[in-house]
Amino acid sequence: MLKPKPLKRGDKVAIVSLSSGVLGEDFARHQLELGVKRLKEFGLEPIFMPNSLKGIEYVKNHPEDRAKDLKQAFCDDTIKGIICSIGGEDTYKTLPYLLGDREFVDAVKNNPKIFTGFSDTTINHLMFYKLGLVTFYGPSFLTDIAELDNEMLPYTKREFLKYFEEKDEFIIESSDVWYEERRDFSKNQLGISRTKHTEKRGYEVLQGRGKVRGRFLGGCLESIYDILTKDAYKEVCDKYELFPNLEEWKDKILFIETCEEKPNPEFFEKELLALKNKGVFDVISGIIVGKPQDETYYDEYKEVFYKVIDNKDLPILYNVNFGHAYPRCIIPYGVEAEIDLDRKMIKYWQPYHI
């Protein structure tokens, strides 16, 4: 896998809207300004790509321009990192303009750089995985950099700072607190803290013991399910072979999490069965599961795993801080990792080219 270089102070980072264009709406202006301020405090220079702030309707109707922004960011040697503004629901529409563009593919391979985001951005991550680039399932601009409190959530901020760190080994620790999703993102919420809870469980071992190694591969479960079952998604994703084949899944550590729609246990079971029917659970080395947002269906989801997974020795570590729950860590695609189930520890090695 191609590895990007870590960020450093003074670097330019591009902000792209590859799914939703909400960042360009007037009602999000206070979040835009706050996010810019925070990136500058990191010593970074934010560069908003030409179409990233054109609003919901324009971005929705012009996937070719979303793709153009991403291509421009990779072709610009002065840009060292790319941050997704937020997720959405149709980034798959950008695939023909990217994977069908030889110049874009060459730019990615010749100019690797940090790419971060989550949720629907799973589609982009799987695209980059196919192209051989390590990317990061992690913070996005609106949800994390522009957190409305007086500062970023401390755990998420520490994770974001890993993009600057030149180390061989990183540990993903359980946060000692978790936060509820906001119901109000308006300007009058500036400086207002999220509802916070003490983390009482930490990582939970659903099954398995000892240590297991593998490379990270996965994403948002709803996005993966759409790739496998939703006609519009499936047609495009099948054409470009976006979903990794079974050989590619061999010995991987699957990471999955559920979105803000909080699918009920019955639908969650359908999603897991879609992966099971592809043979994924037969060949992977382990699974890590993100904390459900607001801990909705926390126990019910565990029961679904016990029901669906036939191999009772397959290691499953539950309640990890990634995905749609707050706070969130970063998980690098295609990087060698280890789960220590006895010590409830996750670590990974060398996500960057140093």
Protein backbone atom coordinates (compact mmCIF):
# COMPACT_ATOMS: atom_id res chain seq x y z
CA MET A 1 0.00 0.00 0.00
CA LEU A 2 1.10 3.55 -0.74
CA LYS A 3 1.45 5.62 2.42
CA PRO A 4 1.07 9.40 2.72
CA LYS A 5 3.48 11.60 4.61
CA PRO A 6 2.33 12.96 7.97
CA LEU A 7 1.16 16.56 8.10
CA LYS A 8 3.30 19.37 9.45
CA ARG A 9 2.62 22.95 10.42
CA GLY A 10 2.31 25.20 7.40
CA ASP A 11 0.81 22.48 5.19
CA LYS A 12 -2.17 23.18 2.97
CA VAL A 13 -5.16 20.87 3.39
CA ALA A 14 -8.05 20.67 0.95
CA ILE A 15 -11.67 20.50 2.07
CA VAL A 16 -13.92 18.58 -0.32
CA SER A 17 -17.67 17.92 -0.38
CA LEU A 18 -17.92 14.49 -1.96
CA SER A 19 -21.41 13.63 -0.67
CA SER A 20 -23.53 16.34 0.94
CA GLY A 21 -23.00 20.01 0.13
CA VAL A 22 -24.37 21.25 3.45
CA LEU A 23 -21.10 23.01 4.32
CA GLY A 24 -21.88 25.65 1.69
CA GLU A 25 -25.27 26.61 3.12
CA ASP A 26 -25.74 29.93 4.94
CA PHE A 27 -27.07 28.14 8.02
CA ALA A 28 -23.68 26.39 8.38
CA ARG A 29 -21.62 29.59 8.09
CA HIS A 30 -20.78 29.65 11.81
CA GLN A 31 -19.49 26.07 11.56
CA LEU A 32 -17.45 26.89 8.48
CA GLU A 33 -15.77 29.82 10.22
CA LEU A 34 -15.14 27.80 13.37
CA GLY A 35 -13.60 24.94 11.40
CA VAL A 36 -11.28 27.32 9.56
CA LYS A 37 -10.18 28.82 12.88
CA ARG A 38 -9.44 25.39 14.32
CA LEU A 39 -7.43 24.22 11.32
CA LYS A 40 -5.35 27.38 11.50
CA GLU A 41 -4.72 26.68 15.18
CA PHE A 42 -3.24 23.35 14.07
CA GLY A 43 -0.91 25.36 11.84
CA LEU A 44 -2.71 24.22 8.68
CA GLU A 45 -3.87 26.32 5.76
CA PRO A 46 -7.39 25.26 4.69
CA ILE A 47 -8.08 25.34 0.95
CA PHE A 48 -11.73 24.98 -0.01
CA MET A 49 -11.95 23.31 -3.37
CA PRO A 50 -13.94 25.22 -6.04
CA ASN A 51 -17.23 23.32 -5.67
CA SER A 52 -17.09 22.43 -1.98
CA LEU A 53 -19.14 25.44 -0.82
CA LYS A 54 -21.79 25.56 -3.55
CA GLY A 55 -24.53 24.18 -1.34
CA ILE A 56 -26.73 21.12 -1.09
CA GLU A 57 -28.57 21.30 -4.40
CA TYR A 58 -25.58 22.11 -6.60
CA VAL A 59 -23.37 19.46 -5.04
CA LYS A 60 -26.16 16.90 -5.24
CA ASN A 61 -26.77 17.57 -8.93
CA HIS A 62 -23.12 17.73 -10.01
CA PRO A 63 -21.18 14.62 -8.98
CA GLU A 64 -18.74 15.37 -11.80
CA ASP A 65 -17.74 18.58 -10.01
CA ARG A 66 -17.32 16.79 -6.70
CA ALA A 67 -14.97 14.42 -8.50
CA LYS A 68 -13.20 17.34 -10.16
CA ASP A 69 -12.45 18.84 -6.73
CA LEU A 70 -10.90 15.60 -5.48
CA LYS A 71 -8.84 15.24 -8.62
CA GLN A 72 -7.61 18.82 -8.35
CA ALA A 73 -6.59 18.25 -4.73
CA PHE A 74 -4.49 15.23 -5.71
CA CYS A 75 -2.96 16.95 -8.71
CA ASP A 76 -1.87 19.95 -6.61
CA ASP A 77 1.54 19.13 -5.14
CA THR A 78 1.20 21.91 -2.55
CA ILE A 79 -1.79 20.22 -0.90
CA LYS A 80 -0.67 17.65 1.66
CA GLY A 81 -3.98 16.42 3.08
CA ILE A 82 -7.67 16.18 2.20
CA ILE A 83 -10.51 16.49 4.70
CA CYS A 84 -14.08 15.56 3.78
CA SER A 85 -16.62 18.17 4.81
CA ILE A 86 -19.16 15.54 5.89
CA GLY A 87 -20.74 12.32 4.66
CA GLY A 88 -24.03 12.00 2.82
CA GLU A 89 -25.67 9.36 0.68
CA ASP A 90 -24.49 9.37 -2.92
CA THR A 91 -20.73 9.69 -3.22
CA TYR A 92 -20.92 6.53 -5.35
CA LYS A 93 -21.98 8.85 -8.19
CA THR A 94 -18.43 10.26 -8.29
CA LEU A 95 -16.86 6.88 -9.08
CA PRO A 96 -17.21 6.97 -12.90
CA TYR A 97 -15.51 10.37 -12.98
CA LEU A 98 -12.64 9.15 -10.81
CA LEU A 99 -11.92 5.50 -11.50
CA GLY A 100 -12.65 6.16 -15.16
CA ASP A 101 -10.08 8.97 -15.26
CA ARG A 102 -6.53 7.75 -15.88
CA GLU A 103 -5.09 11.13 -14.90
CA PHE A 104 -6.78 10.95 -11.48
CA VAL A 105 -5.63 7.37 -10.89
CA ASP A 106 -2.06 8.32 -11.75
CA ALA A 107 -2.21 11.40 -9.52
CA VAL A 108 -3.26 9.28 -6.53
CA LYS A 109 -0.44 6.81 -7.10
CA ASN A 110 2.18 9.47 -7.76
CA ASN A 111 1.15 11.92 -5.06
CA PRO A 112 -0.22 10.06 -2.00
CA LYS A 113 -1.61 12.28 0.73
CA ILE A 114 -3.69 12.01 3.88
CA PHE A 115 -7.42 11.58 3.22
CA THR A 116 -9.85 11.57 6.16
CA GLY A 117 -13.61 11.17 6.57
CA PHE A 118 -16.25 8.62 7.52
CA SER A 119 -19.84 7.49 6.87
CA ASP A 120 -20.70 7.65 3.13
CA THR A 121 -17.02 8.44 2.62
CA THR A 122 -16.61 4.65 3.00
CA ILE A 123 -17.18 4.56 -0.77
CA ASN A 124 -14.19 6.85 -1.34
CA HIS A 125 -12.06 4.87 1.08
CA LEU A 126 -12.79 1.62 -0.73
CA MET A 127 -11.95 3.34 -4.00
CA PHE A 128 -8.58 4.43 -2.61
CA TYR A 129 -8.01 0.98 -1.14
CA LYS A 130 -8.53 -0.42 -4.63
CA LEU A 131 -5.94 2.05 -5.91
CA GLY A 132 -3.51 1.00 -3.18
CA LEU A 133 -3.52 4.14 -1.01
CA VAL A 134 -3.70 4.11 2.79
CA THR A 135 -6.54 6.44 3.86
CA PHE A 136 -8.10 7.13 7.24
CA TYR A 137 -11.58 6.42 8.53
CA GLY A 138 -11.67 9.39 10.86
CA PRO A 139 -12.69 12.96 11.58
CA SER A 140 -14.42 15.18 9.04
CA PHE A 141 -14.65 18.97 8.89
CA LEU A 142 -18.22 19.64 10.03
CA THR A 143 -18.67 16.88 12.58
CA ASP A 144 -15.28 17.13 14.28
CA ILE A 145 -13.11 20.10 13.36
CA ALA A 146 -16.13 22.42 13.65
CA GLU A 147 -17.42 20.95 16.93
CA LEU A 148 -19.62 23.71 18.41
CA ASP A 149 -18.14 23.51 21.91
CA ASN A 150 -15.31 25.85 22.85
CA GLU A 151 -12.83 23.26 21.64
CA MET A 152 -12.78 20.01 19.71
CA LEU A 153 -13.70 16.96 21.74
CA PRO A 154 -10.38 16.16 23.51
CA TYR A 155 -10.18 12.50 22.45
CA THR A 156 -10.98 13.36 18.82
CA LYS A 157 -8.43 16.16 18.87
CA ARG A 158 -5.72 13.79 20.13
CA GLU A 159 -6.62 11.39 17.36
CA PHE A 160 -6.50 14.15 14.73
CA LEU A 161 -3.03 15.09 15.95
CA LYS A 162 -1.88 11.59 14.95
CA TYR A 163 -1.91 12.92 11.38
CA PHE A 164 1.16 14.94 12.42
CA GLU A 165 3.01 12.19 14.29
CA GLU A 166 5.99 10.32 12.89
CA LYS A 167 5.81 7.11 14.91
CA ASP A 168 6.07 3.45 14.03
CA GLU A 169 3.33 2.29 16.41
CA PHE A 170 -0.02 3.77 17.42
CA ILE A 171 -2.48 2.56 20.07
CA ILE A 172 -6.25 3.07 19.85
CA GLU A 173 -7.41 3.53 23.42
CA SER A 174 -10.98 3.53 24.68
CA SER A 175 -12.25 7.00 25.54
CA ASP A 176 -13.19 7.47 29.19
CA VAL A 177 -16.29 9.42 28.14
CA TRP A 178 -18.81 9.38 25.31
CA TYR A 179 -21.15 12.07 24.02
CA GLU A 180 -24.67 12.19 22.67
CA GLU A 181 -25.34 13.52 19.18
CA ARG A 182 -26.59 17.10 19.08
CA ARG A 183 -30.17 17.88 18.11
CA ASP A 184 -29.41 21.52 17.34
CA PHE A 185 -26.46 22.76 15.26
CA SER A 186 -27.54 26.41 15.05
CA LYS A 187 -25.39 29.42 15.88
CA ASN A 188 -26.89 29.72 19.36
CA GLN A 189 -25.21 26.41 20.23
CA LEU A 190 -21.72 27.89 19.93
CA GLY A 191 -19.87 27.25 23.17
CA ILE A 192 -22.49 24.78 24.40
CA SER A 193 -21.11 21.39 25.42
CA ARG A 194 -22.55 18.09 24.29
CA THR A 195 -24.29 15.86 26.81
CA LYS A 196 -21.49 13.69 28.20
CA HIS A 197 -21.47 10.28 29.87
CA THR A 198 -18.78 8.33 31.68
CA GLU A 199 -17.71 5.27 29.69
CA LYS A 200 -18.67 2.37 31.93
CA ARG A 201 -17.82 -0.52 29.64
CA GLY A 202 -14.72 0.26 27.63
CA TYR A 203 -13.92 -2.26 24.92
CA GLU A 204 -16.06 -5.40 25.20
CA VAL A 205 -14.86 -8.79 24.01
CA LEU A 206 -17.86 -10.55 22.49
CA GLN A 207 -15.85 -13.65 21.64
CA GLY A 208 -12.29 -14.83 21.04
CA ARG A 209 -9.14 -14.51 23.12
CA GLY A 210 -5.42 -13.90 22.79
CA LYS A 211 -3.96 -11.80 20.01
CA VAL A 212 -4.90 -11.56 16.36
CA ARG A 213 -3.25 -9.66 13.53
CA GLY A 214 -4.50 -8.41 10.20
CA ARG A 215 -4.92 -5.33 8.07
CA PHE A 216 -7.84 -2.97 8.60
CA LEU A 217 -10.67 -3.01 6.04
CA GLY A 218 -14.28 -1.93 6.44
CA GLY A 219 -16.34 1.21 7.04
CA CYS A 220 -19.94 2.24 7.60
CA LEU A 221 -22.14 -0.85 7.54
CA GLU A 222 -25.00 0.95 5.78
CA SER A 223 -22.70 2.06 2.96
CA ILE A 224 -21.35 -1.47 2.57
CA TYR A 225 -24.89 -2.88 2.56
CA ASP A 226 -25.89 -0.39 -0.16
CA ILE A 227 -22.94 -1.52 -2.28
CA LEU A 228 -24.11 -5.11 -2.01
CA THR A 229 -27.87 -4.69 -2.33
CA LYS A 230 -29.08 -1.28 -3.56
CA ASP A 231 -29.59 -1.30 -7.33
CA ALA A 232 -28.16 2.14 -8.15
CA TYR A 233 -25.14 1.61 -5.90
CA LYS A 234 -24.65 -1.96 -6.96
CA GLU A 235 -24.56 -1.20 -10.68
CA VAL A 236 -21.83 1.40 -10.35
CA CYS A 237 -19.87 -0.40 -7.62
CA ASP A 238 -20.00 -3.73 -9.46
CA LYS A 239 -18.73 -2.07 -12.62
CA TYR A 240 -15.66 -0.75 -10.82
CA GLU A 241 -15.31 -3.81 -8.54
CA LEU A 242 -15.42 -1.59 -5.48
CA PHE A 243 -16.26 -4.31 -2.95
CA PRO A 244 -13.08 -6.29 -2.28
CA ASN A 245 -13.11 -9.89 -3.48
CA LEU A 246 -12.91 -12.76 -1.03
CA GLU A 247 -9.17 -13.22 -1.51
CA GLU A 248 -8.70 -9.56 -0.59
CA TRP A 249 -10.69 -10.05 2.62
CA LYS A 250 -8.50 -12.95 3.72
CA ASP A 251 -6.90 -12.35 7.14
CA LYS A 252 -8.23 -8.78 7.36
CA ILE A 253 -9.56 -7.13 10.50
CA LEU A 254 -13.04 -6.00 9.55
CA PHE A 255 -14.13 -2.72 11.15
CA ILE A 256 -17.82 -1.82 10.95
CA GLU A 257 -20.15 0.70 12.55
CA THR A 258 -23.72 1.90 12.14
CA CYS A 259 -24.86 5.33 10.96
CA GLU A 260 -26.90 8.11 12.56
CA GLU A 261 -30.13 6.52 11.30
CA LYS A 262 -29.65 3.89 14.02
CA PRO A 263 -30.90 0.85 12.12
CA ASN A 264 -33.13 -1.43 14.16
CA PRO A 265 -31.82 -4.89 15.11
CA GLU A 266 -33.80 -6.58 12.33
CA PHE A 267 -32.20 -4.42 9.66
CA PHE A 268 -28.81 -4.73 11.36
CA GLU A 269 -29.15 -8.49 11.00
CA LYS A 270 -29.85 -8.10 7.27
CA GLU A 271 -26.69 -6.04 6.93
CA LEU A 272 -24.53 -8.62 8.66
CA LEU A 273 -26.13 -11.41 6.64
CA ALA A 274 -25.16 -9.60 3.44
CA LEU A 275 -21.52 -9.79 4.52
CA LYS A 276 -21.95 -13.37 5.69
CA ASN A 277 -23.42 -14.39 2.35
CA LYS A 278 -20.35 -12.95 0.58
CA GLY A 279 -18.18 -15.27 2.69
CA VAL A 280 -16.42 -12.42 4.51
CA PHE A 281 -16.80 -13.90 8.00
CA ASP A 282 -15.22 -17.15 6.83
CA VAL A 283 -11.89 -15.59 5.89
CA ILE A 284 -11.25 -12.54 8.09
CA SER A 285 -9.09 -12.72 11.21
CA GLY A 286 -11.27 -10.57 13.47
CA ILE A 287 -13.85 -7.80 13.81
CA ILE A 288 -13.88 -4.49 15.66
CA VAL A 289 -17.24 -2.80 16.07
CA GLY A 290 -17.89 0.91 16.61
CA LYS A 291 -19.98 2.15 19.52
CA PRO A 292 -23.55 2.72 18.30
CA GLN A 293 -24.47 6.41 18.26
CA ASP A 294 -26.06 7.40 21.59
CA GLU A 295 -25.67 3.70 22.54
CA THR A 296 -28.96 2.99 20.76
CA TYR A 297 -29.52 -0.78 20.41
CA TYR A 298 -26.22 -1.35 22.21
CA ASP A 299 -27.17 -4.73 23.70
CA GLU A 300 -29.47 -5.74 20.86
CA TYR A 301 -26.66 -5.45 18.30
CA LYS A 302 -24.49 -7.75 20.39
CA GLU A 303 -27.18 -10.41 20.30
CA VAL A 304 -27.33 -10.12 16.50
CA PHE A 305 -23.60 -10.85 16.28
CA TYR A 306 -24.03 -13.97 18.40
CA LYS A 307 -26.88 -15.04 16.13
CA VAL A 308 -25.22 -14.37 12.76
CA ILE A 309 -21.58 -15.34 13.35
CA ASP A 310 -21.22 -19.12 13.15
CA ASN A 311 -17.53 -19.26 14.06
CA LYS A 312 -17.61 -18.72 17.82
CA ASP A 313 -13.81 -18.39 17.88
CA LEU A 314 -13.77 -15.40 15.51
CA PRO A 315 -12.47 -12.50 17.64
CA ILE A 316 -14.97 -9.64 18.01
CA LEU A 317 -14.11 -6.48 19.95
CA TYR A 318 -17.11 -4.23 20.56
CA ASN A 319 -17.68 -0.60 21.61
CA VAL A 320 -14.67 0.95 19.87
CA ASN A 321 -14.65 4.75 19.41
CA PHE A 322 -14.98 5.13 15.66
CA GLY A 323 -17.73 6.02 13.24
CA HIS A 324 -20.89 7.96 14.05
CA ALA A 325 -20.57 7.91 17.85
CA TYR A 326 -18.62 10.62 19.67
CA PRO A 327 -15.70 10.89 20.18
CA ARG A 328 -13.96 9.14 17.32
CA CYS A 329 -10.55 7.72 16.56
CA ILE A 330 -8.83 7.22 13.22
CA ILE A 331 -8.50 3.82 11.56
CA PRO A 332 -6.08 3.48 8.62
CA TYR A 333 -7.12 1.24 5.75
CA GLY A 334 -4.74 -1.52 4.76
CA VAL A 335 -2.36 -1.04 7.68
CA GLU A 336 -1.11 -3.94 9.80
CA ALA A 337 -2.85 -4.04 13.18
CA GLU A 338 -3.15 -6.21 16.25
CA ILE A 339 -6.07 -6.83 18.58
CA ASP A 340 -5.14 -8.06 22.04
CA LEU A 341 -8.43 -9.40 23.36
CA ASP A 342 -7.08 -10.32 26.78
CA ARG A 343 -5.78 -6.79 27.38
CA LYS A 344 -8.55 -5.13 25.32
CA MET A 345 -6.03 -3.23 23.22
CA ILE A 346 -5.78 -2.23 19.56
CA LYS A 347 -2.57 -1.08 17.93
CA TYR A 348 -1.34 -0.55 14.41
CA TRP A 349 1.96 0.09 12.70
CA GLN A 350 3.43 2.58 10.23
CA PRO A 351 0.45 4.27 8.55
CA TYR A 352 2.69 6.95 7.04
CA HIS A 353 5.63 7.16 4.68
CA ILE A 354 8.40 8.56 6.85
